[in-house]
Amino acid sequence: MTRLVTVAVVGLVATGGVPEARGDKKVTLTLTSSAFAAGAEIPTKYTCEGPDVSPPLAWSGVPAGTQSLALIVDDPDAPDPAAPKRTWVHWVVVDISPEVTSLPEGAAPKGARVGANDWKKTAWGGPCPPIGRHRYFFKLYALDRTLGLDKASKADVEKAMAGHILAQGELIGTYQKKK
């Protein structure tokens, strides 16, 4: 079952290194997954305890003028949600065509560029929390330009997006190891 989460964006505030959105019009970008509901547990299939493939994602509400989309998936609860010390980056994908409205399970779209995660790999790295239940933020950005970055880090992408975000959508899932 697919659950929807909608984030309305009105001039995003720059927090935690996220660049500000442009403009003053209310823009809504909706990000969903058929694999898990907003706020629910991410199935084991998409984690280090399973085949570790990226979950399917779909979105709507991409605003006019969008030249590309960027996706960042991270975990702000690392290493321990009771005492987080850093945000762990699981996936960075940039230059997604604005005509693309979904990502299939286990794949980035053709033509997109995959950046480096915190395992220093240019691939999806699924949830694998060492302790406790962690939150995983799937953040999709509509941009007024392409970024042209190869193997970029989250910090590189956030810097390049500054002043170019038209809209943002977010989906949060959780995971705690079973073993």
N, C-alpha and C. Protein backbone atom coordinates (compact mmCIF):
# COMPACT_ATOMS: atom_id res chain seq x y z
N MET A 1 0.84 -1.16 0.00
CA MET A 1 0.00 0.00 0.00
C MET A 1 0.89 1.24 0.00
N THR A 2 0.57 2.20 -0.83
CA THR A 2 1.32 3.44 -0.91
C THR A 2 0.68 4.49 -0.03
N ARG A 3 1.49 5.14 0.81
CA ARG A 3 1.02 6.24 1.63
C ARG A 3 1.68 7.51 1.11
N LEU A 4 0.97 8.58 1.15
CA LEU A 4 1.49 9.83 0.63
C LEU A 4 1.96 10.73 1.76
N VAL A 5 3.04 11.42 1.51
CA VAL A 5 3.47 12.49 2.39
C VAL A 5 3.70 13.70 1.49
N THR A 6 3.14 14.81 1.86
CA THR A 6 3.26 16.02 1.07
C THR A 6 3.95 17.08 1.90
N VAL A 7 4.91 17.73 1.31
CA VAL A 7 5.60 18.82 1.97
C VAL A 7 5.35 20.08 1.14
N ALA A 8 4.71 21.04 1.73
CA ALA A 8 4.51 22.33 1.05
C ALA A 8 5.73 23.18 1.34
N VAL A 9 6.27 23.79 0.32
CA VAL A 9 7.47 24.57 0.48
C VAL A 9 7.17 26.03 0.17
N VAL A 10 7.43 26.88 1.13
CA VAL A 10 7.31 28.31 0.92
C VAL A 10 8.62 28.92 1.39
N GLY A 11 9.55 29.14 0.47
CA GLY A 11 10.84 29.73 0.82
C GLY A 11 11.54 28.96 1.92
N LEU A 12 12.04 27.79 1.63
CA LEU A 12 12.73 26.96 2.60
C LEU A 12 13.76 27.74 3.39
N VAL A 13 13.88 27.43 4.64
CA VAL A 13 14.91 28.03 5.47
C VAL A 13 16.13 27.12 5.40
N ALA A 14 17.29 27.70 5.34
CA ALA A 14 18.52 26.91 5.29
C ALA A 14 18.80 26.34 6.68
N THR A 15 18.64 25.04 6.84
CA THR A 15 18.93 24.38 8.10
C THR A 15 19.76 23.14 7.83
N GLY A 16 20.69 22.87 8.68
CA GLY A 16 21.49 21.67 8.55
C GLY A 16 22.21 21.60 7.22
N GLY A 17 22.60 22.74 6.66
CA GLY A 17 23.34 22.74 5.41
C GLY A 17 22.47 22.69 4.17
N VAL A 18 21.14 22.65 4.33
CA VAL A 18 20.26 22.59 3.16
C VAL A 18 20.08 24.00 2.62
N PRO A 19 20.35 24.20 1.34
CA PRO A 19 20.20 25.53 0.76
C PRO A 19 18.75 26.01 0.77
N GLU A 20 18.57 27.31 0.63
CA GLU A 20 17.24 27.89 0.61
C GLU A 20 16.57 27.69 -0.74
N ALA A 21 15.24 27.58 -0.72
CA ALA A 21 14.45 27.53 -1.95
C ALA A 21 14.27 28.96 -2.46
N ARG A 22 14.03 29.08 -3.75
CA ARG A 22 13.82 30.39 -4.34
C ARG A 22 12.34 30.70 -4.44
N GLY A 23 12.03 31.95 -4.54
CA GLY A 23 10.66 32.36 -4.82
C GLY A 23 9.77 32.38 -3.60
N ASP A 24 8.54 32.88 -3.82
CA ASP A 24 7.60 32.99 -2.72
C ASP A 24 6.28 32.28 -3.00
N LYS A 25 6.20 31.53 -4.09
CA LYS A 25 4.98 30.80 -4.41
C LYS A 25 4.95 29.48 -3.65
N LYS A 26 3.77 29.07 -3.21
CA LYS A 26 3.62 27.80 -2.52
C LYS A 26 3.75 26.68 -3.55
N VAL A 27 4.74 25.82 -3.35
CA VAL A 27 5.01 24.73 -4.27
C VAL A 27 5.00 23.43 -3.49
N THR A 28 4.29 22.43 -3.99
CA THR A 28 4.19 21.15 -3.31
C THR A 28 4.81 20.05 -4.16
N LEU A 29 5.70 19.28 -3.58
CA LEU A 29 6.32 18.13 -4.21
C LEU A 29 6.02 16.94 -3.33
N THR A 30 5.40 15.92 -3.88
CA THR A 30 4.99 14.74 -3.10
C THR A 30 5.90 13.57 -3.42
N LEU A 31 6.46 12.94 -2.39
CA LEU A 31 7.38 11.81 -2.53
C LEU A 31 6.79 10.62 -1.78
N THR A 32 6.68 9.47 -2.46
CA THR A 32 6.09 8.26 -1.87
C THR A 32 6.91 7.03 -2.21
N SER A 33 6.62 5.95 -1.52
CA SER A 33 7.18 4.64 -1.84
C SER A 33 6.08 3.59 -1.71
N SER A 34 6.03 2.67 -2.65
CA SER A 34 5.08 1.57 -2.54
C SER A 34 5.59 0.51 -1.57
N ALA A 35 6.83 0.65 -1.10
CA ALA A 35 7.44 -0.34 -0.21
C ALA A 35 7.17 -0.05 1.27
N PHE A 36 6.97 1.22 1.63
CA PHE A 36 6.72 1.57 3.02
C PHE A 36 5.96 2.88 3.09
N ALA A 37 5.18 3.03 4.14
CA ALA A 37 4.40 4.24 4.36
C ALA A 37 5.27 5.30 5.05
N ALA A 38 4.88 6.54 4.93
CA ALA A 38 5.57 7.62 5.62
C ALA A 38 5.60 7.35 7.12
N GLY A 39 6.79 7.39 7.69
CA GLY A 39 6.96 7.16 9.12
C GLY A 39 7.01 5.70 9.52
N ALA A 40 6.82 4.79 8.57
CA ALA A 40 6.79 3.36 8.87
C ALA A 40 8.17 2.73 8.67
N GLU A 41 8.24 1.46 9.04
CA GLU A 41 9.50 0.72 8.91
C GLU A 41 9.80 0.37 7.45
N ILE A 42 11.06 0.56 7.09
CA ILE A 42 11.54 0.18 5.77
C ILE A 42 11.72 -1.34 5.77
N PRO A 43 11.18 -2.05 4.79
CA PRO A 43 11.31 -3.50 4.76
C PRO A 43 12.78 -3.95 4.68
N THR A 44 13.06 -5.08 5.29
CA THR A 44 14.42 -5.65 5.36
C THR A 44 15.06 -5.77 3.99
N LYS A 45 14.27 -6.02 2.96
CA LYS A 45 14.78 -6.17 1.60
C LYS A 45 15.67 -5.00 1.18
N TYR A 46 15.41 -3.82 1.71
CA TYR A 46 16.12 -2.61 1.30
C TYR A 46 17.25 -2.23 2.26
N THR A 47 17.67 -3.18 3.11
CA THR A 47 18.68 -2.91 4.14
C THR A 47 19.84 -3.88 4.03
N CYS A 48 20.82 -3.68 4.91
CA CYS A 48 22.00 -4.56 4.94
C CYS A 48 21.65 -5.98 5.40
N GLU A 49 20.48 -6.17 5.99
CA GLU A 49 20.07 -7.50 6.42
C GLU A 49 19.31 -8.25 5.32
N GLY A 50 19.13 -7.60 4.19
CA GLY A 50 18.45 -8.20 3.04
C GLY A 50 19.33 -8.03 1.81
N PRO A 51 18.73 -8.06 0.62
CA PRO A 51 19.50 -7.88 -0.62
C PRO A 51 20.08 -6.47 -0.77
N ASP A 52 19.62 -5.52 0.06
CA ASP A 52 20.14 -4.15 0.05
C ASP A 52 19.98 -3.46 -1.30
N VAL A 53 18.76 -3.50 -1.82
CA VAL A 53 18.43 -2.77 -3.05
C VAL A 53 17.67 -1.50 -2.65
N SER A 54 17.76 -0.48 -3.47
CA SER A 54 17.04 0.75 -3.17
C SER A 54 15.54 0.53 -3.31
N PRO A 55 14.75 1.18 -2.46
CA PRO A 55 13.30 1.01 -2.55
C PRO A 55 12.72 1.78 -3.73
N PRO A 56 11.56 1.35 -4.22
CA PRO A 56 10.91 2.12 -5.29
C PRO A 56 10.41 3.44 -4.72
N LEU A 57 10.55 4.49 -5.53
CA LEU A 57 10.08 5.82 -5.14
C LEU A 57 9.28 6.42 -6.28
N ALA A 58 8.32 7.26 -5.95
CA ALA A 58 7.54 7.96 -6.96
C ALA A 58 7.28 9.37 -6.45
N TRP A 59 7.08 10.31 -7.37
CA TRP A 59 6.82 11.68 -6.97
C TRP A 59 5.92 12.37 -7.98
N SER A 60 5.35 13.46 -7.50
CA SER A 60 4.51 14.31 -8.35
C SER A 60 4.62 15.74 -7.84
N GLY A 61 4.11 16.67 -8.66
CA GLY A 61 4.13 18.06 -8.27
C GLY A 61 5.41 18.79 -8.65
N VAL A 62 6.16 18.25 -9.62
CA VAL A 62 7.38 18.92 -10.07
C VAL A 62 6.98 20.25 -10.72
N PRO A 63 7.50 21.37 -10.23
CA PRO A 63 7.07 22.67 -10.75
C PRO A 63 7.62 22.99 -12.14
N ALA A 64 6.91 23.86 -12.84
CA ALA A 64 7.38 24.36 -14.14
C ALA A 64 8.74 25.00 -13.94
N GLY A 65 9.59 24.87 -14.93
CA GLY A 65 10.92 25.46 -14.85
C GLY A 65 11.96 24.53 -14.26
N THR A 66 11.54 23.35 -13.80
CA THR A 66 12.50 22.39 -13.24
C THR A 66 13.38 21.85 -14.36
N GLN A 67 14.68 21.93 -14.15
CA GLN A 67 15.65 21.41 -15.12
C GLN A 67 16.20 20.05 -14.70
N SER A 68 16.19 19.78 -13.39
CA SER A 68 16.65 18.48 -12.90
C SER A 68 16.14 18.27 -11.49
N LEU A 69 16.24 17.03 -11.04
CA LEU A 69 15.89 16.65 -9.68
C LEU A 69 17.13 16.07 -9.01
N ALA A 70 17.20 16.22 -7.70
CA ALA A 70 18.28 15.63 -6.92
C ALA A 70 17.65 14.88 -5.74
N LEU A 71 18.22 13.74 -5.40
CA LEU A 71 17.73 12.92 -4.30
C LEU A 71 18.87 12.66 -3.33
N ILE A 72 18.61 12.91 -2.06
CA ILE A 72 19.58 12.61 -1.00
C ILE A 72 18.85 11.79 0.05
N VAL A 73 19.47 10.67 0.44
CA VAL A 73 18.91 9.83 1.50
C VAL A 73 19.94 9.78 2.62
N ASP A 74 19.51 10.18 3.83
CA ASP A 74 20.46 10.16 4.93
C ASP A 74 19.78 9.81 6.25
N ASP A 75 20.61 9.54 7.25
CA ASP A 75 20.20 9.10 8.57
C ASP A 75 20.83 10.05 9.60
N PRO A 76 20.03 10.93 10.22
CA PRO A 76 20.59 11.86 11.20
C PRO A 76 20.80 11.25 12.58
N ASP A 77 20.52 9.96 12.74
CA ASP A 77 20.58 9.32 14.05
C ASP A 77 21.85 8.51 14.29
N ALA A 78 22.86 8.65 13.45
CA ALA A 78 24.06 7.83 13.56
C ALA A 78 24.99 8.33 14.66
N PRO A 79 25.66 7.45 15.36
CA PRO A 79 25.50 6.01 15.29
C PRO A 79 24.40 5.47 16.21
N ASP A 80 23.99 6.29 17.18
CA ASP A 80 23.01 5.86 18.18
C ASP A 80 21.93 6.94 18.29
N PRO A 81 20.66 6.60 18.05
CA PRO A 81 19.61 7.62 18.11
C PRO A 81 19.51 8.31 19.47
N ALA A 82 19.98 7.65 20.53
CA ALA A 82 19.95 8.26 21.86
C ALA A 82 21.04 9.32 22.01
N ALA A 83 22.09 9.22 21.19
CA ALA A 83 23.19 10.19 21.24
C ALA A 83 23.79 10.33 19.84
N PRO A 84 23.02 10.91 18.89
CA PRO A 84 23.52 11.02 17.52
C PRO A 84 24.76 11.91 17.44
N LYS A 85 25.69 11.49 16.58
CA LYS A 85 26.93 12.25 16.44
C LYS A 85 27.13 12.77 15.03
N ARG A 86 26.39 12.21 14.07
CA ARG A 86 26.56 12.64 12.68
C ARG A 86 25.37 12.19 11.85
N THR A 87 25.28 12.75 10.66
CA THR A 87 24.29 12.31 9.69
C THR A 87 25.00 11.42 8.69
N TRP A 88 24.51 10.18 8.55
CA TRP A 88 25.13 9.20 7.65
C TRP A 88 24.40 9.23 6.30
N VAL A 89 25.15 9.40 5.23
CA VAL A 89 24.58 9.52 3.90
C VAL A 89 24.50 8.14 3.24
N HIS A 90 23.30 7.78 2.77
CA HIS A 90 23.06 6.48 2.16
C HIS A 90 22.99 6.50 0.65
N TRP A 91 22.57 7.63 0.07
CA TRP A 91 22.42 7.69 -1.39
C TRP A 91 22.37 9.13 -1.83
N VAL A 92 23.06 9.42 -2.93
CA VAL A 92 23.04 10.74 -3.55
C VAL A 92 22.84 10.52 -5.05
N VAL A 93 21.77 11.09 -5.61
CA VAL A 93 21.50 10.96 -7.04
C VAL A 93 21.16 12.36 -7.55
N VAL A 94 21.86 12.81 -8.60
CA VAL A 94 21.60 14.14 -9.16
C VAL A 94 21.34 14.05 -10.65
N ASP A 95 20.88 15.16 -11.19
CA ASP A 95 20.59 15.30 -12.61
C ASP A 95 19.56 14.28 -13.11
N ILE A 96 18.57 14.03 -12.26
CA ILE A 96 17.43 13.21 -12.66
C ILE A 96 16.57 14.09 -13.57
N SER A 97 16.17 13.59 -14.71
CA SER A 97 15.36 14.35 -15.65
C SER A 97 14.03 14.74 -15.00
N PRO A 98 13.54 15.96 -15.23
CA PRO A 98 12.25 16.36 -14.65
C PRO A 98 11.07 15.59 -15.24
N GLU A 99 11.26 14.89 -16.35
CA GLU A 99 10.20 14.06 -16.92
C GLU A 99 10.05 12.73 -16.19
N VAL A 100 11.08 12.35 -15.44
CA VAL A 100 11.04 11.10 -14.68
C VAL A 100 10.17 11.32 -13.44
N THR A 101 9.24 10.40 -13.19
CA THR A 101 8.34 10.54 -12.04
C THR A 101 8.48 9.41 -11.03
N SER A 102 9.45 8.52 -11.25
CA SER A 102 9.65 7.44 -10.29
C SER A 102 11.01 6.79 -10.48
N LEU A 103 11.42 6.09 -9.46
CA LEU A 103 12.62 5.26 -9.52
C LEU A 103 12.18 3.84 -9.22
N PRO A 104 12.52 2.89 -10.08
CA PRO A 104 12.17 1.51 -9.77
C PRO A 104 13.05 0.97 -8.66
N GLU A 105 12.60 -0.09 -8.07
CA GLU A 105 13.39 -0.76 -7.04
C GLU A 105 14.76 -1.12 -7.59
N GLY A 106 15.80 -0.81 -6.83
CA GLY A 106 17.15 -1.23 -7.16
C GLY A 106 17.83 -0.48 -8.29
N ALA A 107 17.35 0.72 -8.65
CA ALA A 107 17.97 1.39 -9.79
C ALA A 107 17.85 2.90 -9.70
N ALA A 108 18.85 3.58 -10.25
CA ALA A 108 18.78 5.02 -10.47
C ALA A 108 18.34 5.20 -11.91
N PRO A 109 17.70 6.31 -12.25
CA PRO A 109 17.21 6.49 -13.62
C PRO A 109 18.34 6.70 -14.63
N LYS A 110 18.07 6.35 -15.87
CA LYS A 110 19.04 6.57 -16.94
C LYS A 110 19.36 8.05 -17.02
N GLY A 111 20.63 8.34 -17.23
CA GLY A 111 21.06 9.72 -17.38
C GLY A 111 21.37 10.43 -16.08
N ALA A 112 20.93 9.88 -14.96
CA ALA A 112 21.22 10.50 -13.67
C ALA A 112 22.65 10.15 -13.25
N ARG A 113 23.19 10.96 -12.36
CA ARG A 113 24.53 10.73 -11.83
C ARG A 113 24.42 10.33 -10.37
N VAL A 114 25.11 9.27 -9.99
CA VAL A 114 25.06 8.80 -8.61
C VAL A 114 26.30 9.30 -7.88
N GLY A 115 26.06 9.96 -6.75
CA GLY A 115 27.14 10.50 -5.95
C GLY A 115 27.65 9.49 -4.94
N ALA A 116 28.60 9.94 -4.14
CA ALA A 116 29.24 9.07 -3.14
C ALA A 116 28.47 9.09 -1.83
N ASN A 117 28.23 7.89 -1.29
CA ASN A 117 27.62 7.79 0.03
C ASN A 117 28.74 7.73 1.08
N ASP A 118 28.38 7.56 2.34
CA ASP A 118 29.40 7.55 3.39
C ASP A 118 30.18 6.25 3.49
N TRP A 119 29.87 5.27 2.65
CA TRP A 119 30.69 4.08 2.52
C TRP A 119 31.71 4.29 1.39
N LYS A 120 31.71 5.51 0.82
CA LYS A 120 32.60 5.88 -0.30
C LYS A 120 32.27 5.08 -1.56
N LYS A 121 31.00 4.74 -1.72
CA LYS A 121 30.53 4.02 -2.90
C LYS A 121 29.53 4.90 -3.65
N THR A 122 29.50 4.75 -4.96
CA THR A 122 28.52 5.46 -5.77
C THR A 122 27.37 4.50 -6.04
N ALA A 123 26.61 4.26 -4.99
CA ALA A 123 25.51 3.30 -5.04
C ALA A 123 24.62 3.52 -3.82
N TRP A 124 23.46 2.87 -3.85
CA TRP A 124 22.59 2.82 -2.68
C TRP A 124 23.30 2.03 -1.59
N GLY A 125 23.22 2.52 -0.38
CA GLY A 125 23.69 1.79 0.80
C GLY A 125 22.54 1.81 1.78
N GLY A 126 21.87 0.71 1.95
CA GLY A 126 20.66 0.66 2.75
C GLY A 126 20.89 0.80 4.24
N PRO A 127 19.80 0.97 4.98
CA PRO A 127 19.87 1.08 6.43
C PRO A 127 20.62 -0.09 7.05
N CYS A 128 21.49 0.24 8.00
CA CYS A 128 22.28 -0.78 8.70
C CYS A 128 22.69 -0.22 10.06
N PRO A 129 21.72 0.21 10.86
CA PRO A 129 22.05 0.91 12.10
C PRO A 129 22.74 -0.01 13.11
N PRO A 130 23.80 0.47 13.74
CA PRO A 130 24.51 -0.36 14.72
C PRO A 130 23.73 -0.58 16.01
N ILE A 131 22.83 0.39 16.33
CA ILE A 131 22.05 0.28 17.56
C ILE A 131 20.77 1.10 17.41
N GLY A 132 19.67 0.58 17.94
CA GLY A 132 18.42 1.34 17.99
C GLY A 132 17.70 1.52 16.66
N ARG A 133 16.56 2.19 16.74
CA ARG A 133 15.74 2.50 15.56
C ARG A 133 16.15 3.86 15.02
N HIS A 134 16.54 3.87 13.76
CA HIS A 134 16.98 5.10 13.09
C HIS A 134 15.92 5.59 12.13
N ARG A 135 15.97 6.89 11.83
CA ARG A 135 15.11 7.51 10.84
C ARG A 135 15.92 7.73 9.55
N TYR A 136 15.27 7.49 8.41
CA TYR A 136 15.91 7.66 7.11
C TYR A 136 15.11 8.67 6.32
N PHE A 137 15.76 9.76 5.96
CA PHE A 137 15.12 10.87 5.26
C PHE A 137 15.43 10.77 3.77
N PHE A 138 14.39 10.60 2.96
CA PHE A 138 14.49 10.60 1.51
C PHE A 138 14.07 12.00 1.09
N LYS A 139 15.00 12.80 0.58
CA LYS A 139 14.74 14.20 0.25
C LYS A 139 14.92 14.40 -1.26
N LEU A 140 13.86 14.88 -1.89
CA LEU A 140 13.87 15.12 -3.32
C LEU A 140 13.78 16.62 -3.57
N TYR A 141 14.67 17.14 -4.40
CA TYR A 141 14.73 18.56 -4.71
C TYR A 141 14.46 18.79 -6.19
N ALA A 142 13.60 19.75 -6.51
CA ALA A 142 13.39 20.21 -7.89
C ALA A 142 14.30 21.43 -8.07
N LEU A 143 15.13 21.40 -9.10
CA LEU A 143 16.14 22.45 -9.30
C LEU A 143 15.94 23.17 -10.62
N ASP A 144 16.36 24.42 -10.67
CA ASP A 144 16.25 25.20 -11.90
C ASP A 144 17.47 25.04 -12.80
N ARG A 145 18.30 24.06 -12.52
CA ARG A 145 19.50 23.79 -13.32
C ARG A 145 19.91 22.34 -13.14
N THR A 146 20.75 21.84 -14.02
CA THR A 146 21.39 20.55 -13.80
C THR A 146 22.66 20.84 -13.02
N LEU A 147 23.16 19.85 -12.29
CA LEU A 147 24.34 20.07 -11.46
C LEU A 147 25.64 19.62 -12.14
N GLY A 148 25.57 18.59 -12.99
CA GLY A 148 26.76 18.15 -13.70
C GLY A 148 27.87 17.63 -12.81
N LEU A 149 27.52 17.08 -11.67
CA LEU A 149 28.52 16.59 -10.73
C LEU A 149 28.68 15.08 -10.84
N ASP A 150 29.90 14.61 -10.94
CA ASP A 150 30.18 13.18 -10.96
C ASP A 150 30.69 12.74 -9.59
N LYS A 151 30.11 11.68 -9.07
CA LYS A 151 30.54 11.08 -7.80
C LYS A 151 30.61 12.10 -6.66
N ALA A 152 29.68 13.03 -6.67
CA ALA A 152 29.66 14.11 -5.69
C ALA A 152 29.20 13.64 -4.32
N SER A 153 29.70 14.29 -3.29
CA SER A 153 29.24 14.04 -1.93
C SER A 153 27.96 14.84 -1.67
N LYS A 154 27.29 14.53 -0.58
CA LYS A 154 26.11 15.29 -0.19
C LYS A 154 26.47 16.77 -0.03
N ALA A 155 27.60 17.06 0.59
CA ALA A 155 28.02 18.45 0.80
C ALA A 155 28.23 19.16 -0.54
N ASP A 156 28.83 18.47 -1.51
CA ASP A 156 29.03 19.05 -2.84
C ASP A 156 27.69 19.38 -3.48
N VAL A 157 26.73 18.46 -3.36
CA VAL A 157 25.41 18.65 -3.96
C VAL A 157 24.68 19.80 -3.28
N GLU A 158 24.70 19.85 -1.97
CA GLU A 158 24.03 20.94 -1.26
C GLU A 158 24.61 22.30 -1.64
N LYS A 159 25.92 22.35 -1.78
CA LYS A 159 26.56 23.61 -2.18
C LYS A 159 26.13 24.01 -3.59
N ALA A 160 26.10 23.05 -4.51
CA ALA A 160 25.71 23.33 -5.90
C ALA A 160 24.22 23.69 -6.03
N MET A 161 23.38 23.19 -5.11
CA MET A 161 21.94 23.48 -5.16
C MET A 161 21.60 24.85 -4.60
N ALA A 162 22.50 25.46 -3.84
CA ALA A 162 22.22 26.74 -3.17
C ALA A 162 21.66 27.75 -4.17
N GLY A 163 20.49 28.28 -3.86
CA GLY A 163 19.84 29.28 -4.70
C GLY A 163 19.13 28.73 -5.92
N HIS A 164 19.09 27.40 -6.06
CA HIS A 164 18.50 26.78 -7.25
C HIS A 164 17.34 25.83 -6.95
N ILE A 165 16.89 25.77 -5.70
CA ILE A 165 15.81 24.85 -5.32
C ILE A 165 14.46 25.51 -5.57
N LEU A 166 13.65 24.85 -6.40
CA LEU A 166 12.30 25.33 -6.68
C LEU A 166 11.27 24.71 -5.74
N ALA A 167 11.50 23.47 -5.33
CA ALA A 167 10.58 22.75 -4.44
C ALA A 167 11.33 21.59 -3.82
N GLN A 168 10.77 21.07 -2.72
CA GLN A 168 11.37 19.94 -2.02
C GLN A 168 10.27 19.05 -1.49
N GLY A 169 10.49 17.73 -1.54
CA GLY A 169 9.59 16.76 -0.93
C GLY A 169 10.40 15.83 -0.06
N GLU A 170 9.75 15.26 0.93
CA GLU A 170 10.46 14.40 1.87
C GLU A 170 9.60 13.21 2.27
N LEU A 171 10.25 12.06 2.40
CA LEU A 171 9.62 10.84 2.88
C LEU A 171 10.55 10.27 3.94
N ILE A 172 10.00 9.92 5.10
CA ILE A 172 10.81 9.38 6.19
C ILE A 172 10.37 7.95 6.48
N GLY A 173 11.37 7.06 6.56
CA GLY A 173 11.14 5.69 6.98
C GLY A 173 12.05 5.38 8.15
N THR A 174 11.79 4.29 8.85
CA THR A 174 12.62 3.92 10.00
C THR A 174 13.13 2.50 9.82
N TYR A 175 14.17 2.17 10.60
CA TYR A 175 14.66 0.79 10.58
C TYR A 175 15.46 0.52 11.85
N GLN A 176 15.29 -0.71 12.36
CA GLN A 176 16.09 -1.22 13.47
C GLN A 176 16.47 -2.65 13.09
N LYS A 177 17.74 -3.00 13.29
CA LYS A 177 18.19 -4.34 12.91
C LYS A 177 17.41 -5.41 13.67
N LYS A 178 17.20 -6.50 12.97
CA LYS A 178 16.46 -7.63 13.56
C LYS A 178 17.42 -8.59 14.28
N LYS A 179 18.68 -8.60 13.84
CA LYS A 179 19.66 -9.56 14.38
C LYS A 179 20.57 -8.90 15.38
